[in-house]
Amino acid sequence: MPLITVKGIEGVFSPEQKRLLIKKLTDAMVEVEGEKMRPITWVIFEDVKSGDWGMAGNALTLEDARAVQSGAVAVRDAIGA
């Protein structure tokens, strides 16, 4: 049975966005493996605390992620790379 794990910084994704991600990831698995896989496809969304996510040796916070999400800064600028 397929298990898809998604990790994201806590607070970045709304409950509605998480539901949509779960649906679309399940749909992607079904597209590849066939409809018989839908009832046994698991998707787990794990929230990671702000600052507990690191990239390029730098902690990434909720504020950094939101700035990237909004287009205000590029990822490399948010992490100081």
C-alpha atoms as a PDB file:
ATOM      1  CA  MET A   1       0.000   0.000   0.000  1.00  0.00           C
ATOM      2  CA  PRO A   2       1.441   3.387  -0.988  1.00  0.00           C
ATOM      3  CA  LEU A   3       2.340   5.852   1.749  1.00  0.00           C
ATOM      4  CA  ILE A   4       3.041   9.453   0.769  1.00  0.00           C
ATOM      5  CA  THR A   5       4.512  11.704   3.455  1.00  0.00           C
ATOM      6  CA  VAL A   6       4.452  15.477   3.111  1.00  0.00           C
ATOM      7  CA  LYS A   7       6.335  17.686   5.541  1.00  0.00           C
ATOM      8  CA  GLY A   8       5.707  21.391   5.804  1.00  0.00           C
ATOM      9  CA  ILE A   9       6.411  24.189   8.222  1.00  0.00           C
ATOM     10  CA  GLU A  10       3.558  24.493  10.703  1.00  0.00           C
ATOM     11  CA  GLY A  11       1.183  27.286   9.724  1.00  0.00           C
ATOM     12  CA  VAL A  12       2.231  27.559   6.073  1.00  0.00           C
ATOM     13  CA  PHE A  13      -0.573  25.406   4.681  1.00  0.00           C
ATOM     14  CA  SER A  14      -4.207  25.947   5.652  1.00  0.00           C
ATOM     15  CA  PRO A  15      -6.442  22.953   6.418  1.00  0.00           C
ATOM     16  CA  GLU A  16      -8.075  23.463   3.004  1.00  0.00           C
ATOM     17  CA  GLN A  17      -4.688  23.404   1.254  1.00  0.00           C
ATOM     18  CA  LYS A  18      -3.742  20.218   3.116  1.00  0.00           C
ATOM     19  CA  ARG A  19      -7.001  18.542   2.042  1.00  0.00           C
ATOM     20  CA  LEU A  20      -6.341  19.573  -1.571  1.00  0.00           C
ATOM     21  CA  LEU A  21      -2.769  18.252  -1.425  1.00  0.00           C
ATOM     22  CA  ILE A  22      -4.002  14.938  -0.005  1.00  0.00           C
ATOM     23  CA  LYS A  23      -6.609  14.627  -2.768  1.00  0.00           C
ATOM     24  CA  LYS A  24      -4.226  15.546  -5.580  1.00  0.00           C
ATOM     25  CA  LEU A  25      -1.423  13.291  -4.329  1.00  0.00           C
ATOM     26  CA  THR A  26      -3.877  10.403  -4.095  1.00  0.00           C
ATOM     27  CA  ASP A  27      -5.114  11.209  -7.613  1.00  0.00           C
ATOM     28  CA  ALA A  28      -1.505  11.198  -8.885  1.00  0.00           C
ATOM     29  CA  MET A  29      -0.890   7.762  -7.395  1.00  0.00           C
ATOM     30  CA  VAL A  30      -4.116   6.449  -8.930  1.00  0.00           C
ATOM     31  CA  GLU A  31      -3.134   7.908 -12.309  1.00  0.00           C
ATOM     32  CA  VAL A  32       0.082   5.880 -12.238  1.00  0.00           C
ATOM     33  CA  GLU A  33      -1.043   2.704 -10.485  1.00  0.00           C
ATOM     34  CA  GLY A  34      -4.746   2.520 -11.334  1.00  0.00           C
ATOM     35  CA  GLU A  35      -8.007   3.125  -9.499  1.00  0.00           C
ATOM     36  CA  LYS A  36      -7.566  -0.041  -7.412  1.00  0.00           C
ATOM     37  CA  MET A  37      -4.906   1.840  -5.411  1.00  0.00           C
ATOM     38  CA  ARG A  38      -7.216   4.666  -4.232  1.00  0.00           C
ATOM     39  CA  PRO A  39      -8.628   2.882  -1.172  1.00  0.00           C
ATOM     40  CA  ILE A  40      -5.191   1.829   0.042  1.00  0.00           C
ATOM     41  CA  THR A  41      -3.234   5.022  -0.644  1.00  0.00           C
ATOM     42  CA  TRP A  42      -2.214   6.799   2.547  1.00  0.00           C
ATOM     43  CA  VAL A  43      -1.131  10.439   2.686  1.00  0.00           C
ATOM     44  CA  ILE A  44       0.304  11.863   5.896  1.00  0.00           C
ATOM     45  CA  PHE A  45       0.920  15.584   6.327  1.00  0.00           C
ATOM     46  CA  GLU A  46       3.458  16.317   9.045  1.00  0.00           C
ATOM     47  CA  ASP A  47       3.834  19.832  10.431  1.00  0.00           C
ATOM     48  CA  VAL A  48       7.361  20.865  11.438  1.00  0.00           C
ATOM     49  CA  LYS A  49       7.782  23.676  13.970  1.00  0.00           C
ATOM     50  CA  SER A  50       9.020  27.009  12.681  1.00  0.00           C
ATOM     51  CA  GLY A  51      12.806  27.090  12.900  1.00  0.00           C
ATOM     52  CA  ASP A  52      13.081  23.267  12.988  1.00  0.00           C
ATOM     53  CA  TRP A  53      13.399  23.119   9.188  1.00  0.00           C
ATOM     54  CA  GLY A  54      16.816  23.774   7.727  1.00  0.00           C
ATOM     55  CA  MET A  55      18.129  24.471   4.252  1.00  0.00           C
ATOM     56  CA  ALA A  56      21.686  25.255   3.229  1.00  0.00           C
ATOM     57  CA  GLY A  57      22.741  25.256   6.877  1.00  0.00           C
ATOM     58  CA  ASN A  58      20.133  27.845   7.900  1.00  0.00           C
ATOM     59  CA  ALA A  59      16.926  27.474   9.919  1.00  0.00           C
ATOM     60  CA  LEU A  60      13.793  28.328   7.945  1.00  0.00           C
ATOM     61  CA  THR A  61      10.948  29.963   9.867  1.00  0.00           C
ATOM     62  CA  LEU A  62       7.254  30.400   9.196  1.00  0.00           C
ATOM     63  CA  GLU A  63       7.959  34.034   8.320  1.00  0.00           C
ATOM     64  CA  ASP A  64      10.611  32.975   5.789  1.00  0.00           C
ATOM     65  CA  ALA A  65       8.261  30.459   4.201  1.00  0.00           C
ATOM     66  CA  ARG A  66       5.432  33.001   4.004  1.00  0.00           C
ATOM     67  CA  ALA A  67       7.760  35.538   2.357  1.00  0.00           C
ATOM     68  CA  VAL A  68       8.682  32.949  -0.291  1.00  0.00           C
ATOM     69  CA  GLN A  69       5.031  31.910  -0.697  1.00  0.00           C
ATOM     70  CA  SER A  70       3.981  35.511  -1.316  1.00  0.00           C
ATOM     71  CA  GLY A  71       6.767  36.080  -3.831  1.00  0.00           C
ATOM     72  CA  ALA A  72       8.348  38.791  -1.668  1.00  0.00           C
ATOM     73  CA  VAL A  73      11.693  36.946  -1.626  1.00  0.00           C
ATOM     74  CA  ALA A  74      13.335  34.022  -3.369  1.00  0.00           C
ATOM     75  CA  VAL A  75      14.141  30.884  -1.381  1.00  0.00           C
ATOM     76  CA  ARG A  76      17.868  31.641  -1.547  1.00  0.00           C
ATOM     77  CA  ASP A  77      17.237  35.063   0.031  1.00  0.00           C
ATOM     78  CA  ALA A  78      14.982  33.633   2.753  1.00  0.00           C
ATOM     79  CA  ILE A  79      17.703  31.215   3.862  1.00  0.00           C
ATOM     80  CA  GLY A  80      20.546  33.643   3.392  1.00  0.00           C
ATOM     81  CA  ALA A  81      22.262  31.563   0.718  1.00  0.00           C
END
